[in-house]
Amino acid sequence: MKNLFSTISPQHWQILSRIAIALFGGYLITTLSTIAIGLLLGLFTDTSYAIHIGLLLSFTIYAAYAMYCFSSQSVRGLLFSSIMSSIALVILIAILEQVIS
């Protein structure tokens, strides 16, 4: 009996990895950007409005990220940019939390 994974071609692996990065990386980046938008807008408006705007923008961010995942030239570059974007958002959230408190 052949192994299931040995029959998958390299092109299919690229598609599967892009789908995985779009799902999990998209969720991570969308969640972090929603928090960052909520904190940033919370400095200027009511907190409930800021959270609401952040949640509304999260759908756009997730859709744009999914399109970016499938238009990227290489999977390695996509993974690198996803990790760097996540790190940048975590740093931004930490800075905004320091400003607020």
N, C-alpha and C. Protein backbone atom coordinates (compact mmCIF):
# COMPACT_ATOMS: atom_id res chain seq x y z
N MET A 1 0.84 -1.18 0.00
CA MET A 1 0.00 0.00 0.00
C MET A 1 0.89 1.24 0.00
N LYS A 2 0.62 2.14 -0.92
CA LYS A 2 1.43 3.35 -1.03
C LYS A 2 1.06 4.34 0.06
N ASN A 3 2.06 5.11 0.42
CA ASN A 3 1.83 6.19 1.38
C ASN A 3 1.04 7.30 0.69
N LEU A 4 0.08 7.85 1.40
CA LEU A 4 -0.77 8.89 0.82
C LEU A 4 0.04 10.13 0.43
N PHE A 5 1.02 10.48 1.25
CA PHE A 5 1.77 11.70 1.00
C PHE A 5 2.82 11.55 -0.10
N SER A 6 3.18 10.33 -0.45
CA SER A 6 4.17 10.14 -1.51
C SER A 6 3.58 10.36 -2.90
N THR A 7 2.27 10.33 -3.01
CA THR A 7 1.63 10.51 -4.32
C THR A 7 1.30 11.96 -4.63
N ILE A 8 1.52 12.85 -3.68
CA ILE A 8 1.19 14.26 -3.89
C ILE A 8 2.36 14.95 -4.59
N SER A 9 2.08 15.64 -5.67
CA SER A 9 3.13 16.31 -6.45
C SER A 9 3.59 17.59 -5.75
N PRO A 10 4.77 18.10 -6.11
CA PRO A 10 5.26 19.34 -5.50
C PRO A 10 4.33 20.54 -5.71
N GLN A 11 3.66 20.59 -6.84
CA GLN A 11 2.73 21.69 -7.08
C GLN A 11 1.56 21.63 -6.11
N HIS A 12 1.12 20.41 -5.81
CA HIS A 12 0.03 20.27 -4.85
C HIS A 12 0.48 20.63 -3.44
N TRP A 13 1.75 20.33 -3.12
CA TRP A 13 2.28 20.72 -1.81
C TRP A 13 2.30 22.24 -1.68
N GLN A 14 2.65 22.93 -2.77
CA GLN A 14 2.64 24.39 -2.73
C GLN A 14 1.24 24.92 -2.48
N ILE A 15 0.27 24.34 -3.13
CA ILE A 15 -1.11 24.80 -2.94
C ILE A 15 -1.57 24.50 -1.52
N LEU A 16 -1.25 23.30 -1.02
CA LEU A 16 -1.64 22.95 0.35
C LEU A 16 -0.97 23.86 1.38
N SER A 17 0.30 24.18 1.15
CA SER A 17 0.99 25.07 2.09
C SER A 17 0.43 26.49 2.02
N ARG A 18 0.06 26.94 0.85
CA ARG A 18 -0.57 28.27 0.74
C ARG A 18 -1.92 28.30 1.44
N ILE A 19 -2.68 27.22 1.31
CA ILE A 19 -3.96 27.15 2.01
C ILE A 19 -3.75 27.16 3.52
N ALA A 20 -2.77 26.40 4.00
CA ALA A 20 -2.50 26.36 5.44
C ALA A 20 -2.03 27.72 5.95
N ILE A 21 -1.16 28.38 5.20
CA ILE A 21 -0.69 29.70 5.61
C ILE A 21 -1.83 30.70 5.56
N ALA A 22 -2.68 30.61 4.55
CA ALA A 22 -3.82 31.53 4.47
C ALA A 22 -4.78 31.32 5.63
N LEU A 23 -5.02 30.07 6.00
CA LEU A 23 -5.94 29.81 7.11
C LEU A 23 -5.38 30.24 8.45
N PHE A 24 -4.23 29.67 8.81
CA PHE A 24 -3.68 29.90 10.14
C PHE A 24 -2.97 31.25 10.26
N GLY A 25 -2.17 31.58 9.26
CA GLY A 25 -1.52 32.89 9.28
C GLY A 25 -2.51 34.02 9.14
N GLY A 26 -3.53 33.80 8.32
CA GLY A 26 -4.58 34.82 8.17
C GLY A 26 -5.33 35.05 9.46
N TYR A 27 -5.61 33.96 10.17
CA TYR A 27 -6.29 34.10 11.46
C TYR A 27 -5.42 34.87 12.45
N LEU A 28 -4.13 34.53 12.48
CA LEU A 28 -3.22 35.20 13.41
C LEU A 28 -3.09 36.69 13.08
N ILE A 29 -2.84 37.01 11.83
CA ILE A 29 -2.66 38.41 11.44
C ILE A 29 -3.96 39.19 11.60
N THR A 30 -5.09 38.57 11.29
CA THR A 30 -6.37 39.25 11.45
C THR A 30 -6.65 39.53 12.91
N THR A 31 -6.39 38.57 13.78
CA THR A 31 -6.62 38.77 15.21
C THR A 31 -5.71 39.85 15.76
N LEU A 32 -4.44 39.81 15.41
CA LEU A 32 -3.50 40.82 15.90
C LEU A 32 -3.84 42.20 15.36
N SER A 33 -4.23 42.29 14.11
CA SER A 33 -4.56 43.60 13.56
C SER A 33 -5.86 44.14 14.15
N THR A 34 -6.80 43.26 14.48
CA THR A 34 -8.03 43.71 15.13
C THR A 34 -7.73 44.29 16.50
N ILE A 35 -6.84 43.64 17.24
CA ILE A 35 -6.44 44.16 18.55
C ILE A 35 -5.72 45.50 18.39
N ALA A 36 -4.80 45.58 17.43
CA ALA A 36 -4.05 46.82 17.23
C ALA A 36 -4.96 47.97 16.80
N ILE A 37 -5.90 47.70 15.90
CA ILE A 37 -6.84 48.74 15.46
C ILE A 37 -7.72 49.18 16.62
N GLY A 38 -8.18 48.22 17.42
CA GLY A 38 -9.00 48.56 18.58
C GLY A 38 -8.26 49.42 19.58
N LEU A 39 -7.00 49.08 19.83
CA LEU A 39 -6.20 49.88 20.77
C LEU A 39 -5.90 51.27 20.21
N LEU A 40 -5.57 51.32 18.92
CA LEU A 40 -5.22 52.60 18.31
C LEU A 40 -6.42 53.53 18.25
N LEU A 41 -7.55 53.03 17.80
CA LEU A 41 -8.74 53.88 17.73
C LEU A 41 -9.32 54.16 19.12
N GLY A 42 -9.00 53.31 20.08
CA GLY A 42 -9.44 53.54 21.45
C GLY A 42 -8.82 54.78 22.07
N LEU A 43 -7.71 55.23 21.50
CA LEU A 43 -7.09 56.47 21.97
C LEU A 43 -7.91 57.69 21.59
N PHE A 44 -8.70 57.59 20.51
CA PHE A 44 -9.41 58.74 19.98
C PHE A 44 -10.92 58.67 20.14
N THR A 45 -11.48 57.47 20.22
CA THR A 45 -12.93 57.32 20.31
C THR A 45 -13.28 56.44 21.50
N ASP A 46 -14.57 56.19 21.64
CA ASP A 46 -15.06 55.29 22.67
C ASP A 46 -14.55 53.87 22.39
N THR A 47 -14.28 53.11 23.43
CA THR A 47 -13.71 51.78 23.26
C THR A 47 -14.62 50.84 22.49
N SER A 48 -15.92 50.92 22.74
CA SER A 48 -16.84 50.02 22.03
C SER A 48 -16.86 50.32 20.53
N TYR A 49 -16.79 51.59 20.16
CA TYR A 49 -16.73 51.94 18.73
C TYR A 49 -15.42 51.47 18.11
N ALA A 50 -14.34 51.60 18.85
CA ALA A 50 -13.04 51.19 18.33
C ALA A 50 -13.01 49.68 18.09
N ILE A 51 -13.56 48.91 19.02
CA ILE A 51 -13.59 47.46 18.85
C ILE A 51 -14.49 47.08 17.68
N HIS A 52 -15.61 47.76 17.57
CA HIS A 52 -16.54 47.48 16.48
C HIS A 52 -15.90 47.77 15.11
N ILE A 53 -15.22 48.88 14.99
CA ILE A 53 -14.54 49.22 13.73
C ILE A 53 -13.43 48.20 13.44
N GLY A 54 -12.69 47.81 14.48
CA GLY A 54 -11.64 46.81 14.29
C GLY A 54 -12.19 45.48 13.81
N LEU A 55 -13.33 45.07 14.36
CA LEU A 55 -13.93 43.82 13.93
C LEU A 55 -14.46 43.91 12.50
N LEU A 56 -15.03 45.05 12.14
CA LEU A 56 -15.50 45.21 10.76
C LEU A 56 -14.34 45.19 9.77
N LEU A 57 -13.24 45.81 10.14
CA LEU A 57 -12.08 45.82 9.25
C LEU A 57 -11.40 44.46 9.17
N SER A 58 -11.62 43.61 10.17
CA SER A 58 -10.97 42.31 10.17
C SER A 58 -11.39 41.45 8.98
N PHE A 59 -12.63 41.58 8.54
CA PHE A 59 -13.08 40.81 7.37
C PHE A 59 -12.31 41.23 6.12
N THR A 60 -12.08 42.52 5.98
CA THR A 60 -11.32 43.02 4.84
C THR A 60 -9.87 42.58 4.92
N ILE A 61 -9.31 42.63 6.11
CA ILE A 61 -7.92 42.23 6.30
C ILE A 61 -7.74 40.75 5.97
N TYR A 62 -8.66 39.91 6.44
CA TYR A 62 -8.55 38.47 6.18
C TYR A 62 -8.69 38.17 4.70
N ALA A 63 -9.62 38.83 4.03
CA ALA A 63 -9.80 38.61 2.59
C ALA A 63 -8.57 39.07 1.81
N ALA A 64 -8.02 40.22 2.17
CA ALA A 64 -6.83 40.73 1.48
C ALA A 64 -5.63 39.80 1.73
N TYR A 65 -5.51 39.29 2.94
CA TYR A 65 -4.40 38.38 3.24
C TYR A 65 -4.53 37.07 2.46
N ALA A 66 -5.75 36.55 2.34
CA ALA A 66 -5.95 35.32 1.57
C ALA A 66 -5.59 35.53 0.11
N MET A 67 -5.96 36.68 -0.45
CA MET A 67 -5.58 36.97 -1.83
C MET A 67 -4.07 37.12 -1.97
N TYR A 68 -3.44 37.73 -0.97
CA TYR A 68 -1.99 37.88 -0.98
C TYR A 68 -1.30 36.52 -0.94
N CYS A 69 -1.85 35.59 -0.18
CA CYS A 69 -1.24 34.26 -0.08
C CYS A 69 -1.19 33.55 -1.43
N PHE A 70 -2.19 33.73 -2.25
CA PHE A 70 -2.22 33.04 -3.52
C PHE A 70 -1.61 33.85 -4.66
N SER A 71 -1.28 35.11 -4.41
CA SER A 71 -0.62 35.89 -5.45
C SER A 71 0.88 36.05 -5.20
N SER A 72 1.35 35.56 -4.08
CA SER A 72 2.76 35.65 -3.74
C SER A 72 3.59 34.76 -4.67
N GLN A 73 4.82 35.17 -4.94
CA GLN A 73 5.68 34.43 -5.86
C GLN A 73 6.17 33.12 -5.26
N SER A 74 6.59 33.15 -4.00
CA SER A 74 7.15 31.94 -3.39
C SER A 74 6.51 31.69 -2.03
N VAL A 75 6.45 30.43 -1.67
CA VAL A 75 5.88 30.06 -0.38
C VAL A 75 6.81 30.48 0.75
N ARG A 76 8.10 30.36 0.52
CA ARG A 76 9.08 30.74 1.54
C ARG A 76 9.00 32.24 1.84
N GLY A 77 8.89 33.06 0.81
CA GLY A 77 8.73 34.49 1.01
C GLY A 77 7.42 34.84 1.68
N LEU A 78 6.38 34.10 1.35
CA LEU A 78 5.08 34.29 1.99
C LEU A 78 5.15 33.98 3.47
N LEU A 79 5.80 32.88 3.82
CA LEU A 79 5.93 32.51 5.22
C LEU A 79 6.77 33.53 5.98
N PHE A 80 7.86 34.00 5.36
CA PHE A 80 8.71 35.00 6.00
C PHE A 80 7.94 36.30 6.22
N SER A 81 7.21 36.76 5.23
CA SER A 81 6.47 38.01 5.39
C SER A 81 5.34 37.87 6.41
N SER A 82 4.76 36.69 6.50
CA SER A 82 3.71 36.47 7.50
C SER A 82 4.27 36.52 8.91
N ILE A 83 5.42 35.90 9.11
CA ILE A 83 6.05 35.92 10.43
C ILE A 83 6.48 37.33 10.80
N MET A 84 7.08 38.06 9.86
CA MET A 84 7.52 39.42 10.15
C MET A 84 6.34 40.35 10.42
N SER A 85 5.25 40.17 9.70
CA SER A 85 4.06 40.98 9.94
C SER A 85 3.48 40.70 11.32
N SER A 86 3.48 39.44 11.71
CA SER A 86 2.98 39.08 13.04
C SER A 86 3.85 39.69 14.14
N ILE A 87 5.15 39.63 13.96
CA ILE A 87 6.07 40.22 14.94
C ILE A 87 5.87 41.72 15.03
N ALA A 88 5.72 42.38 13.88
CA ALA A 88 5.50 43.83 13.87
C ALA A 88 4.20 44.19 14.57
N LEU A 89 3.16 43.41 14.36
CA LEU A 89 1.88 43.69 15.02
C LEU A 89 1.96 43.46 16.52
N VAL A 90 2.69 42.44 16.95
CA VAL A 90 2.87 42.21 18.39
C VAL A 90 3.62 43.37 19.02
N ILE A 91 4.65 43.87 18.35
CA ILE A 91 5.40 45.02 18.87
C ILE A 91 4.51 46.25 18.93
N LEU A 92 3.70 46.47 17.89
CA LEU A 92 2.78 47.61 17.88
C LEU A 92 1.77 47.51 19.01
N ILE A 93 1.25 46.32 19.27
CA ILE A 93 0.29 46.13 20.36
C ILE A 93 0.96 46.41 21.70
N ALA A 94 2.20 45.95 21.88
CA ALA A 94 2.91 46.21 23.13
C ALA A 94 3.15 47.70 23.34
N ILE A 95 3.50 48.41 22.28
CA ILE A 95 3.71 49.86 22.38
C ILE A 95 2.41 50.56 22.71
N LEU A 96 1.32 50.18 22.05
CA LEU A 96 0.03 50.82 22.32
C LEU A 96 -0.46 50.54 23.74
N GLU A 97 -0.19 49.35 24.26
CA GLU A 97 -0.58 49.06 25.64
C GLU A 97 0.23 49.90 26.62
N GLN A 98 1.49 50.16 26.30
CA GLN A 98 2.30 51.02 27.16
C GLN A 98 1.81 52.46 27.12
N VAL A 99 1.37 52.92 25.96
CA VAL A 99 0.87 54.29 25.83
C VAL A 99 -0.44 54.45 26.59
N ILE A 100 -1.30 53.44 26.50
CA ILE A 100 -2.61 53.53 27.15
C ILE A 100 -2.48 53.50 28.66
N SER A 101 -1.61 52.64 29.19
CA SER A 101 -1.50 52.53 30.65
C SER A 101 -0.49 53.47 31.25
